[in-house]
Amino acid sequence: MQFGLVLRVALAGLLALAGGGEAFKGLRSSRTTSPWGCALEALPDAPLPALAFSHQVSHARARGVDAVQAVVEVDSNGLVQRMAVQNVTHEAYLVTFFAPWCPHCVDFVMQDAHGNASNAPLEILSRQLIEANGPTALKFDVAFSTPPSDFDVQFVPTIVHINEFGAIDYFQGDRHDVASLFDWAMCFTI
């Protein structure tokens, strides 16, 4: 397992367990019985300092060893900027909102069953979408940045499609069924 991923998951887990600390007051999680994700009761008002450090470490790794990863990570500003220029670029997006403390997110967004980040199901899906000229896959860490108000993120992972004109649709199926997720993402492509 990669150092950045280990550090990020460890710090996020400790922060989630800390719960009562004043710096972490905004972050709450509750595990659901749903096989699809973890519920969010509230999101942090601002990025957490320790998570910001782990986020920087993961980006430093992305410039080197993890360069084979196809999914682009964005924060709130980056996502809003991409959506603001859609009328010019006509680019569609498949955005996965995730949290590093959520085991459902870890096994979909962050790594495969063997701890390999470049073969995480979302990475595989992203490569398939690139080959098919489909939407650009993005990942959004809700522990690092609060989602823009356009998005209703109550559970993680939450997967949304943003078409070329900015319309948003939420995936309701099984995220482990990559073929169905691919078909769903491609059905919006013009």
N, C-alpha and C. Protein backbone atom coordinates (compact mmCIF):
# COMPACT_ATOMS: atom_id res chain seq x y z
N MET A 1 0.85 -1.18 0.00
CA MET A 1 0.00 0.00 0.00
C MET A 1 0.89 1.24 0.00
N GLN A 2 0.49 2.27 -0.69
CA GLN A 2 1.29 3.46 -0.85
C GLN A 2 1.26 4.31 0.42
N PHE A 3 2.39 4.98 0.68
CA PHE A 3 2.53 5.75 1.90
C PHE A 3 1.46 6.84 2.02
N GLY A 4 1.21 7.60 0.94
CA GLY A 4 0.22 8.68 0.99
C GLY A 4 -1.16 8.16 1.33
N LEU A 5 -1.54 7.03 0.74
CA LEU A 5 -2.84 6.43 1.00
C LEU A 5 -2.94 5.97 2.45
N VAL A 6 -1.88 5.32 2.94
CA VAL A 6 -1.87 4.84 4.33
C VAL A 6 -1.99 6.01 5.29
N LEU A 7 -1.20 7.06 5.06
CA LEU A 7 -1.24 8.24 5.92
C LEU A 7 -2.62 8.88 5.91
N ARG A 8 -3.18 9.02 4.73
CA ARG A 8 -4.49 9.66 4.59
C ARG A 8 -5.59 8.88 5.31
N VAL A 9 -5.62 7.56 5.11
CA VAL A 9 -6.63 6.72 5.75
C VAL A 9 -6.45 6.73 7.26
N ALA A 10 -5.20 6.63 7.73
CA ALA A 10 -4.93 6.61 9.17
C ALA A 10 -5.36 7.92 9.83
N LEU A 11 -4.97 9.04 9.24
CA LEU A 11 -5.35 10.34 9.82
C LEU A 11 -6.85 10.55 9.80
N ALA A 12 -7.48 10.19 8.70
CA ALA A 12 -8.93 10.37 8.61
C ALA A 12 -9.65 9.49 9.63
N GLY A 13 -9.16 8.27 9.81
CA GLY A 13 -9.77 7.37 10.79
C GLY A 13 -9.65 7.92 12.20
N LEU A 14 -8.47 8.44 12.54
CA LEU A 14 -8.27 9.03 13.86
C LEU A 14 -9.16 10.24 14.07
N LEU A 15 -9.29 11.07 13.02
CA LEU A 15 -10.15 12.25 13.14
C LEU A 15 -11.60 11.85 13.33
N ALA A 16 -12.04 10.84 12.61
CA ALA A 16 -13.43 10.39 12.75
C ALA A 16 -13.68 9.82 14.14
N LEU A 17 -12.69 9.12 14.69
CA LEU A 17 -12.83 8.56 16.03
C LEU A 17 -12.78 9.65 17.11
N ALA A 18 -12.01 10.72 16.84
CA ALA A 18 -11.85 11.78 17.83
C ALA A 18 -13.19 12.45 18.14
N GLY A 19 -14.00 12.63 17.12
CA GLY A 19 -15.38 13.11 17.26
C GLY A 19 -15.59 14.30 18.16
N GLY A 20 -15.17 14.25 19.40
CA GLY A 20 -15.49 15.29 20.36
C GLY A 20 -14.58 16.49 20.30
N GLY A 21 -13.43 16.41 19.62
CA GLY A 21 -12.50 17.52 19.56
C GLY A 21 -13.11 18.72 18.87
N GLU A 22 -12.80 19.91 19.38
CA GLU A 22 -13.38 21.14 18.82
C GLU A 22 -13.02 21.32 17.36
N ALA A 23 -11.78 20.97 16.95
CA ALA A 23 -11.35 21.15 15.57
C ALA A 23 -12.11 20.23 14.62
N PHE A 24 -12.69 19.15 15.15
CA PHE A 24 -13.34 18.17 14.31
C PHE A 24 -14.85 18.17 14.49
N LYS A 25 -15.36 19.22 15.13
CA LYS A 25 -16.76 19.25 15.51
C LYS A 25 -17.72 19.08 14.33
N GLY A 26 -17.35 19.60 13.14
CA GLY A 26 -18.25 19.53 12.01
C GLY A 26 -18.34 18.16 11.35
N LEU A 27 -17.37 17.28 11.59
CA LEU A 27 -17.33 16.00 10.89
C LEU A 27 -17.98 14.91 11.73
N ARG A 28 -19.01 14.30 11.21
CA ARG A 28 -19.69 13.20 11.89
C ARG A 28 -19.95 12.12 10.87
N SER A 29 -19.84 10.90 11.28
CA SER A 29 -20.19 9.81 10.38
C SER A 29 -21.05 8.82 11.13
N SER A 30 -21.91 8.16 10.39
CA SER A 30 -22.65 7.06 10.98
C SER A 30 -22.69 5.96 9.95
N ARG A 31 -22.30 4.78 10.34
CA ARG A 31 -22.30 3.66 9.42
C ARG A 31 -23.73 3.22 9.22
N THR A 32 -24.08 2.91 8.01
CA THR A 32 -25.42 2.45 7.72
C THR A 32 -25.38 0.96 7.44
N THR A 33 -26.54 0.35 7.36
CA THR A 33 -26.59 -1.05 6.99
C THR A 33 -26.60 -1.20 5.48
N SER A 34 -26.62 -0.07 4.78
CA SER A 34 -26.60 -0.09 3.33
C SER A 34 -25.28 -0.63 2.81
N PRO A 35 -25.32 -1.49 1.79
CA PRO A 35 -24.07 -1.96 1.21
C PRO A 35 -23.43 -0.91 0.30
N TRP A 36 -24.06 0.25 0.13
CA TRP A 36 -23.60 1.22 -0.86
C TRP A 36 -22.71 2.30 -0.28
N GLY A 37 -22.81 2.61 1.01
CA GLY A 37 -21.98 3.70 1.51
C GLY A 37 -22.21 4.04 2.95
N CYS A 38 -21.56 5.11 3.40
CA CYS A 38 -21.64 5.62 4.76
C CYS A 38 -22.41 6.93 4.74
N ALA A 39 -23.24 7.14 5.75
CA ALA A 39 -24.05 8.36 5.84
C ALA A 39 -23.23 9.50 6.40
N LEU A 40 -23.51 10.69 5.93
CA LEU A 40 -22.89 11.90 6.45
C LEU A 40 -23.96 12.70 7.16
N GLU A 41 -23.73 13.01 8.43
CA GLU A 41 -24.69 13.84 9.16
C GLU A 41 -24.37 15.30 8.95
N ALA A 42 -23.09 15.61 8.86
CA ALA A 42 -22.66 16.99 8.61
C ALA A 42 -21.27 16.94 8.01
N LEU A 43 -20.96 17.93 7.24
CA LEU A 43 -19.64 18.03 6.64
C LEU A 43 -18.88 19.15 7.33
N PRO A 44 -17.55 19.10 7.32
CA PRO A 44 -16.78 20.17 7.96
C PRO A 44 -17.00 21.49 7.23
N ASP A 45 -16.95 22.59 8.00
CA ASP A 45 -17.11 23.91 7.41
C ASP A 45 -15.89 24.31 6.59
N ALA A 46 -14.74 23.77 6.95
CA ALA A 46 -13.49 24.08 6.25
C ALA A 46 -12.62 22.84 6.28
N PRO A 47 -11.63 22.78 5.40
CA PRO A 47 -10.74 21.63 5.41
C PRO A 47 -10.07 21.46 6.77
N LEU A 48 -9.94 20.23 7.22
CA LEU A 48 -9.27 19.94 8.48
C LEU A 48 -7.77 20.00 8.28
N PRO A 49 -7.02 20.64 9.19
CA PRO A 49 -5.58 20.84 8.99
C PRO A 49 -4.82 19.53 8.76
N ALA A 50 -5.07 18.51 9.56
CA ALA A 50 -4.34 17.26 9.40
C ALA A 50 -4.67 16.60 8.07
N LEU A 51 -5.92 16.70 7.66
CA LEU A 51 -6.30 16.11 6.38
C LEU A 51 -5.71 16.90 5.22
N ALA A 52 -5.56 18.20 5.40
CA ALA A 52 -4.94 19.00 4.36
C ALA A 52 -3.51 18.53 4.13
N PHE A 53 -2.80 18.20 5.22
CA PHE A 53 -1.44 17.69 5.09
C PHE A 53 -1.45 16.35 4.35
N SER A 54 -2.35 15.44 4.72
CA SER A 54 -2.38 14.14 4.06
C SER A 54 -2.78 14.30 2.60
N HIS A 55 -3.63 15.29 2.31
CA HIS A 55 -4.03 15.57 0.94
C HIS A 55 -2.81 16.02 0.13
N GLN A 56 -1.97 16.88 0.72
CA GLN A 56 -0.77 17.34 0.04
C GLN A 56 0.19 16.18 -0.21
N VAL A 57 0.32 15.27 0.75
CA VAL A 57 1.19 14.12 0.58
C VAL A 57 0.68 13.26 -0.56
N SER A 58 -0.63 13.03 -0.63
CA SER A 58 -1.16 12.20 -1.71
C SER A 58 -0.95 12.87 -3.06
N HIS A 59 -1.04 14.21 -3.15
CA HIS A 59 -0.80 14.89 -4.41
C HIS A 59 0.68 14.84 -4.78
N ALA A 60 1.56 14.88 -3.79
CA ALA A 60 2.98 14.75 -4.09
C ALA A 60 3.26 13.37 -4.68
N ARG A 61 2.63 12.35 -4.13
CA ARG A 61 2.80 11.00 -4.67
C ARG A 61 2.21 10.91 -6.07
N ALA A 62 1.11 11.63 -6.32
CA ALA A 62 0.45 11.57 -7.62
C ALA A 62 1.36 12.10 -8.73
N ARG A 63 2.24 13.02 -8.39
CA ARG A 63 3.15 13.56 -9.40
C ARG A 63 4.25 12.57 -9.75
N GLY A 64 4.44 11.53 -8.93
CA GLY A 64 5.50 10.57 -9.17
C GLY A 64 4.96 9.19 -9.45
N VAL A 65 4.96 8.34 -8.43
CA VAL A 65 4.60 6.94 -8.56
C VAL A 65 3.18 6.74 -9.06
N ASP A 66 2.25 7.55 -8.63
CA ASP A 66 0.85 7.35 -8.95
C ASP A 66 0.43 8.00 -10.27
N ALA A 67 1.38 8.36 -11.11
CA ALA A 67 1.07 9.07 -12.35
C ALA A 67 0.17 8.25 -13.28
N VAL A 68 0.07 6.93 -13.07
CA VAL A 68 -0.76 6.10 -13.94
C VAL A 68 -2.24 6.24 -13.59
N GLN A 69 -2.56 6.88 -12.50
CA GLN A 69 -3.96 7.05 -12.12
C GLN A 69 -4.65 8.01 -13.08
N ALA A 70 -5.84 7.61 -13.52
CA ALA A 70 -6.57 8.38 -14.52
C ALA A 70 -7.58 9.34 -13.92
N VAL A 71 -8.00 9.12 -12.69
CA VAL A 71 -9.03 9.96 -12.08
C VAL A 71 -8.39 11.22 -11.51
N VAL A 72 -8.95 12.37 -11.85
CA VAL A 72 -8.45 13.65 -11.39
C VAL A 72 -9.15 13.99 -10.08
N GLU A 73 -8.39 14.39 -9.06
CA GLU A 73 -8.99 14.81 -7.79
C GLU A 73 -9.22 16.31 -7.83
N VAL A 74 -10.42 16.72 -7.42
CA VAL A 74 -10.78 18.14 -7.38
C VAL A 74 -11.30 18.50 -6.00
N ASP A 75 -11.21 19.78 -5.68
CA ASP A 75 -11.84 20.31 -4.48
C ASP A 75 -13.04 21.15 -4.93
N SER A 76 -13.65 21.83 -4.00
CA SER A 76 -14.85 22.61 -4.32
C SER A 76 -14.58 23.66 -5.39
N ASN A 77 -13.50 24.42 -5.24
CA ASN A 77 -13.17 25.46 -6.21
C ASN A 77 -12.91 24.86 -7.59
N GLY A 78 -12.17 23.76 -7.63
CA GLY A 78 -11.85 23.12 -8.91
C GLY A 78 -13.09 22.62 -9.62
N LEU A 79 -14.03 22.04 -8.88
CA LEU A 79 -15.26 21.55 -9.48
C LEU A 79 -16.13 22.70 -9.98
N VAL A 80 -16.24 23.75 -9.19
CA VAL A 80 -17.03 24.91 -9.60
C VAL A 80 -16.41 25.54 -10.85
N GLN A 81 -15.08 25.63 -10.91
CA GLN A 81 -14.42 26.20 -12.09
C GLN A 81 -14.68 25.36 -13.33
N ARG A 82 -14.61 24.04 -13.21
CA ARG A 82 -14.88 23.16 -14.35
C ARG A 82 -16.32 23.33 -14.84
N MET A 83 -17.25 23.43 -13.89
CA MET A 83 -18.66 23.59 -14.27
C MET A 83 -18.91 24.96 -14.91
N ALA A 84 -18.17 25.97 -14.48
CA ALA A 84 -18.37 27.33 -14.99
C ALA A 84 -17.98 27.45 -16.47
N VAL A 85 -17.06 26.63 -16.95
CA VAL A 85 -16.61 26.74 -18.34
C VAL A 85 -17.22 25.65 -19.23
N GLN A 86 -18.21 24.93 -18.72
CA GLN A 86 -18.83 23.87 -19.52
C GLN A 86 -19.48 24.38 -20.79
N ASN A 87 -19.99 25.61 -20.76
CA ASN A 87 -20.62 26.13 -21.97
C ASN A 87 -19.61 26.35 -23.10
N VAL A 88 -18.31 26.40 -22.75
CA VAL A 88 -17.25 26.55 -23.74
C VAL A 88 -16.63 25.19 -24.08
N THR A 89 -16.34 24.40 -23.05
CA THR A 89 -15.63 23.13 -23.26
C THR A 89 -16.55 21.99 -23.66
N HIS A 90 -17.81 22.06 -23.29
CA HIS A 90 -18.79 20.99 -23.55
C HIS A 90 -18.28 19.65 -23.03
N GLU A 91 -17.65 19.69 -21.87
CA GLU A 91 -17.12 18.47 -21.26
C GLU A 91 -18.09 17.95 -20.21
N ALA A 92 -18.30 16.64 -20.21
CA ALA A 92 -19.14 15.99 -19.21
C ALA A 92 -18.24 15.40 -18.13
N TYR A 93 -18.79 15.24 -16.92
CA TYR A 93 -18.00 14.72 -15.80
C TYR A 93 -18.76 13.62 -15.07
N LEU A 94 -18.00 12.68 -14.56
CA LEU A 94 -18.50 11.67 -13.63
C LEU A 94 -17.77 11.93 -12.32
N VAL A 95 -18.47 12.46 -11.33
CA VAL A 95 -17.84 12.87 -10.07
C VAL A 95 -18.21 11.88 -8.98
N THR A 96 -17.19 11.40 -8.28
CA THR A 96 -17.40 10.52 -7.13
C THR A 96 -16.99 11.27 -5.88
N PHE A 97 -17.98 11.56 -5.02
CA PHE A 97 -17.71 12.17 -3.72
C PHE A 97 -17.38 11.03 -2.77
N PHE A 98 -16.24 11.14 -2.07
CA PHE A 98 -15.80 10.06 -1.19
C PHE A 98 -15.18 10.63 0.08
N ALA A 99 -15.00 9.75 1.06
CA ALA A 99 -14.29 10.10 2.30
C ALA A 99 -13.29 8.98 2.59
N PRO A 100 -12.07 9.31 2.95
CA PRO A 100 -11.06 8.29 3.18
C PRO A 100 -11.33 7.40 4.39
N TRP A 101 -12.25 7.81 5.29
CA TRP A 101 -12.57 6.98 6.46
C TRP A 101 -13.68 5.97 6.15
N CYS A 102 -14.30 6.06 4.99
CA CYS A 102 -15.40 5.18 4.62
C CYS A 102 -14.87 3.93 3.92
N PRO A 103 -15.12 2.74 4.47
CA PRO A 103 -14.59 1.53 3.84
C PRO A 103 -15.17 1.28 2.45
N HIS A 104 -16.40 1.74 2.20
CA HIS A 104 -16.99 1.60 0.86
C HIS A 104 -16.23 2.45 -0.15
N CYS A 105 -15.80 3.62 0.28
CA CYS A 105 -15.03 4.52 -0.59
C CYS A 105 -13.63 3.97 -0.84
N VAL A 106 -13.01 3.46 0.21
CA VAL A 106 -11.66 2.93 0.06
C VAL A 106 -11.64 1.85 -1.01
N ASP A 107 -12.61 0.92 -0.97
CA ASP A 107 -12.57 -0.19 -1.92
C ASP A 107 -13.15 0.16 -3.29
N PHE A 108 -13.64 1.38 -3.48
CA PHE A 108 -14.11 1.80 -4.79
C PHE A 108 -13.21 2.89 -5.38
N VAL A 109 -12.84 3.88 -4.58
CA VAL A 109 -12.11 5.04 -5.07
C VAL A 109 -10.61 4.92 -4.87
N MET A 110 -10.18 4.41 -3.72
CA MET A 110 -8.79 4.53 -3.32
C MET A 110 -7.90 3.33 -3.64
N GLN A 111 -8.48 2.12 -3.72
CA GLN A 111 -7.64 0.95 -3.98
C GLN A 111 -8.49 -0.25 -4.35
N ASP A 112 -7.82 -1.26 -4.94
CA ASP A 112 -8.52 -2.52 -5.20
C ASP A 112 -8.36 -3.44 -4.00
N ALA A 113 -8.80 -4.67 -4.10
CA ALA A 113 -8.75 -5.62 -2.98
C ALA A 113 -7.33 -5.94 -2.54
N HIS A 114 -6.35 -5.65 -3.40
CA HIS A 114 -4.94 -5.94 -3.09
C HIS A 114 -4.18 -4.69 -2.67
N GLY A 115 -4.88 -3.56 -2.47
CA GLY A 115 -4.23 -2.33 -2.03
C GLY A 115 -3.59 -1.54 -3.15
N ASN A 116 -3.89 -1.88 -4.41
CA ASN A 116 -3.30 -1.21 -5.55
C ASN A 116 -4.19 -0.03 -5.97
N ALA A 117 -3.69 1.19 -5.81
CA ALA A 117 -4.48 2.39 -6.13
C ALA A 117 -4.76 2.52 -7.62
N SER A 118 -3.84 2.10 -8.47
CA SER A 118 -4.06 2.27 -9.91
C SER A 118 -5.09 1.30 -10.47
N ASN A 119 -5.46 0.28 -9.69
CA ASN A 119 -6.50 -0.66 -10.12
C ASN A 119 -7.77 -0.57 -9.30
N ALA A 120 -7.96 0.55 -8.60
CA ALA A 120 -9.23 0.78 -7.90
C ALA A 120 -10.34 0.76 -8.94
N PRO A 121 -11.53 0.25 -8.60
CA PRO A 121 -12.61 0.20 -9.57
C PRO A 121 -12.88 1.54 -10.28
N LEU A 122 -12.79 2.65 -9.56
CA LEU A 122 -13.00 3.95 -10.20
C LEU A 122 -11.90 4.24 -11.23
N GLU A 123 -10.68 3.83 -10.95
CA GLU A 123 -9.58 4.02 -11.91
C GLU A 123 -9.81 3.20 -13.17
N ILE A 124 -10.27 1.97 -13.00
CA ILE A 124 -10.57 1.11 -14.15
C ILE A 124 -11.69 1.72 -14.98
N LEU A 125 -12.74 2.17 -14.30
CA LEU A 125 -13.85 2.83 -14.99
C LEU A 125 -13.37 4.07 -15.74
N SER A 126 -12.52 4.85 -15.13
CA SER A 126 -12.01 6.07 -15.76
C SER A 126 -11.26 5.73 -17.05
N ARG A 127 -10.42 4.72 -17.02
CA ARG A 127 -9.69 4.33 -18.23
C ARG A 127 -10.65 3.88 -19.33
N GLN A 128 -11.72 3.16 -18.95
CA GLN A 128 -12.72 2.74 -19.93
C GLN A 128 -13.44 3.96 -20.53
N LEU A 129 -13.77 4.93 -19.68
CA LEU A 129 -14.44 6.14 -20.16
C LEU A 129 -13.53 6.95 -21.09
N ILE A 130 -12.25 7.00 -20.79
CA ILE A 130 -11.30 7.70 -21.67
C ILE A 130 -11.26 7.03 -23.04
N GLU A 131 -11.17 5.71 -23.06
CA GLU A 131 -11.14 4.97 -24.34
C GLU A 131 -12.41 5.19 -25.15
N ALA A 132 -13.55 5.35 -24.49
CA ALA A 132 -14.83 5.50 -25.18
C ALA A 132 -15.21 6.97 -25.41
N ASN A 133 -14.28 7.90 -25.11
CA ASN A 133 -14.57 9.34 -25.21
C ASN A 133 -15.78 9.73 -24.36
N GLY A 134 -15.88 9.13 -23.18
CA GLY A 134 -16.97 9.41 -22.26
C GLY A 134 -16.64 10.57 -21.34
N PRO A 135 -17.41 10.73 -20.29
CA PRO A 135 -17.17 11.83 -19.34
C PRO A 135 -15.83 11.67 -18.61
N THR A 136 -15.28 12.78 -18.19
CA THR A 136 -14.05 12.78 -17.42
C THR A 136 -14.36 12.40 -15.98
N ALA A 137 -13.66 11.40 -15.45
CA ALA A 137 -13.87 10.96 -14.06
C ALA A 137 -13.12 11.88 -13.11
N LEU A 138 -13.83 12.35 -12.11
CA LEU A 138 -13.26 13.19 -11.06
C LEU A 138 -13.57 12.57 -9.71
N LYS A 139 -12.69 12.78 -8.73
CA LYS A 139 -12.98 12.35 -7.36
C LYS A 139 -12.87 13.56 -6.44
N PHE A 140 -13.76 13.59 -5.45
CA PHE A 140 -13.89 14.74 -4.56
C PHE A 140 -13.88 14.24 -3.13
N ASP A 141 -12.86 14.58 -2.37
CA ASP A 141 -12.70 14.15 -0.98
C ASP A 141 -13.48 15.08 -0.06
N VAL A 142 -14.60 14.60 0.49
CA VAL A 142 -15.45 15.44 1.34
C VAL A 142 -14.82 15.73 2.69
N ALA A 143 -13.79 14.99 3.07
CA ALA A 143 -13.08 15.27 4.31
C ALA A 143 -12.11 16.43 4.14
N PHE A 144 -11.79 16.76 2.91
CA PHE A 144 -10.86 17.85 2.63
C PHE A 144 -11.57 19.13 2.20
N SER A 145 -12.68 19.00 1.50
CA SER A 145 -13.37 20.16 0.95
C SER A 145 -14.88 19.90 0.97
N THR A 146 -15.64 20.91 1.30
CA THR A 146 -17.09 20.80 1.33
C THR A 146 -17.63 20.84 -0.10
N PRO A 147 -18.52 19.90 -0.45
CA PRO A 147 -19.07 19.91 -1.82
C PRO A 147 -19.83 21.21 -2.10
N PRO A 148 -19.80 21.66 -3.36
CA PRO A 148 -20.57 22.85 -3.72
C PRO A 148 -22.05 22.62 -3.43
N SER A 149 -22.78 23.70 -3.23
CA SER A 149 -24.19 23.60 -2.85
C SER A 149 -25.07 22.99 -3.93
N ASP A 150 -24.59 22.89 -5.15
CA ASP A 150 -25.35 22.26 -6.24
C ASP A 150 -25.55 20.76 -6.01
N PHE A 151 -24.78 20.17 -5.11
CA PHE A 151 -24.78 18.72 -4.94
C PHE A 151 -25.37 18.32 -3.60
N ASP A 152 -26.21 17.30 -3.61
CA ASP A 152 -26.83 16.75 -2.41
C ASP A 152 -26.06 15.49 -2.02
N VAL A 153 -25.03 15.67 -1.20
CA VAL A 153 -24.19 14.55 -0.79
C VAL A 153 -24.54 14.19 0.65
N GLN A 154 -25.34 13.15 0.80
CA GLN A 154 -25.73 12.67 2.12
C GLN A 154 -25.01 11.38 2.49
N PHE A 155 -24.52 10.67 1.49
CA PHE A 155 -23.80 9.42 1.68
C PHE A 155 -22.54 9.45 0.84
N VAL A 156 -21.54 8.72 1.26
CA VAL A 156 -20.35 8.52 0.44
C VAL A 156 -20.14 7.02 0.25
N PRO A 157 -19.73 6.58 -0.90
CA PRO A 157 -19.54 7.41 -2.07
C PRO A 157 -20.87 7.80 -2.73
N THR A 158 -20.91 9.01 -3.23
CA THR A 158 -22.01 9.49 -4.06
C THR A 158 -21.44 9.72 -5.45
N ILE A 159 -22.08 9.14 -6.45
CA ILE A 159 -21.59 9.24 -7.83
C ILE A 159 -22.60 10.03 -8.63
N VAL A 160 -22.12 11.10 -9.27
CA VAL A 160 -23.00 11.94 -10.07
C VAL A 160 -22.45 12.12 -11.48
N HIS A 161 -23.35 12.30 -12.42
CA HIS A 161 -22.97 12.63 -13.79
C HIS A 161 -23.39 14.06 -14.02
N ILE A 162 -22.48 14.85 -14.57
CA ILE A 162 -22.78 16.22 -14.96
C ILE A 162 -22.63 16.26 -16.48
N ASN A 163 -23.75 16.48 -17.18
CA ASN A 163 -23.65 16.45 -18.63
C ASN A 163 -23.02 17.73 -19.18
N GLU A 164 -22.89 17.80 -20.49
CA GLU A 164 -22.22 18.91 -21.16
C GLU A 164 -22.88 20.26 -20.89
N PHE A 165 -24.13 20.23 -20.45
CA PHE A 165 -24.87 21.47 -20.22
C PHE A 165 -25.05 21.77 -18.73
N GLY A 166 -24.44 20.96 -17.86
CA GLY A 166 -24.49 21.20 -16.43
C GLY A 166 -25.58 20.49 -15.67
N ALA A 167 -26.41 19.68 -16.36
CA ALA A 167 -27.46 18.93 -15.66
C ALA A 167 -26.82 17.81 -14.83
N ILE A 168 -27.33 17.61 -13.63
CA ILE A 168 -26.76 16.66 -12.68
C ILE A 168 -27.72 15.49 -12.49
N ASP A 169 -27.16 14.26 -12.53
CA ASP A 169 -27.93 13.04 -12.28
C ASP A 169 -27.15 12.17 -11.31
N TYR A 170 -27.85 11.53 -10.38
CA TYR A 170 -27.22 10.71 -9.34
C TYR A 170 -27.34 9.23 -9.69
N PHE A 171 -26.23 8.50 -9.55
CA PHE A 171 -26.22 7.06 -9.80
C PHE A 171 -26.90 6.35 -8.63
N GLN A 172 -27.83 5.45 -8.92
CA GLN A 172 -28.59 4.75 -7.89
C GLN A 172 -28.23 3.27 -7.78
N GLY A 173 -27.38 2.77 -8.67
CA GLY A 173 -27.10 1.33 -8.71
C GLY A 173 -25.95 0.89 -7.84
N ASP A 174 -25.47 -0.31 -8.13
CA ASP A 174 -24.36 -0.92 -7.40
C ASP A 174 -23.04 -0.43 -7.98
N ARG A 175 -22.27 0.31 -7.20
CA ARG A 175 -21.01 0.87 -7.69
C ARG A 175 -19.99 -0.21 -8.04
N HIS A 176 -20.17 -1.43 -7.53
CA HIS A 176 -19.24 -2.52 -7.86
C HIS A 176 -19.53 -3.11 -9.24
N ASP A 177 -20.67 -2.79 -9.80
CA ASP A 177 -21.02 -3.24 -11.14
C ASP A 177 -20.50 -2.18 -12.12
N VAL A 178 -19.20 -2.27 -12.41
CA VAL A 178 -18.54 -1.26 -13.23
C VAL A 178 -19.16 -1.19 -14.63
N ALA A 179 -19.62 -2.32 -15.16
CA ALA A 179 -20.25 -2.32 -16.49
C ALA A 179 -21.53 -1.48 -16.49
N SER A 180 -22.37 -1.64 -15.46
CA SER A 180 -23.59 -0.84 -15.36
C SER A 180 -23.27 0.63 -15.15
N LEU A 181 -22.27 0.91 -14.34
CA LEU A 181 -21.86 2.29 -14.10
C LEU A 181 -21.34 2.92 -15.39
N PHE A 182 -20.58 2.16 -16.16
CA PHE A 182 -20.08 2.64 -17.46
C PHE A 182 -21.25 2.94 -18.40
N ASP A 183 -22.19 1.99 -18.50
CA ASP A 183 -23.35 2.19 -19.38
C ASP A 183 -24.15 3.41 -18.96
N TRP A 184 -24.35 3.58 -17.65
CA TRP A 184 -25.09 4.74 -17.13
C TRP A 184 -24.37 6.04 -17.50
N ALA A 185 -23.06 6.08 -17.30
CA ALA A 185 -22.29 7.29 -17.60
C ALA A 185 -22.31 7.60 -19.09
N MET A 186 -22.26 6.58 -19.92
CA MET A 186 -22.21 6.78 -21.38
C MET A 186 -23.58 7.13 -21.95
N CYS A 187 -24.67 6.78 -21.28
CA CYS A 187 -26.00 7.05 -21.85
C CYS A 187 -26.27 8.55 -21.93
N PHE A 188 -25.51 9.37 -21.23
CA PHE A 188 -25.70 10.82 -21.26
C PHE A 188 -24.82 11.49 -22.30
N THR A 189 -23.89 10.71 -22.88
CA THR A 189 -22.91 11.28 -23.81
C THR A 189 -23.56 11.54 -25.17
N ILE A 190 -23.34 12.74 -25.67
CA ILE A 190 -23.91 13.11 -26.97
C ILE A 190 -22.98 12.68 -28.08
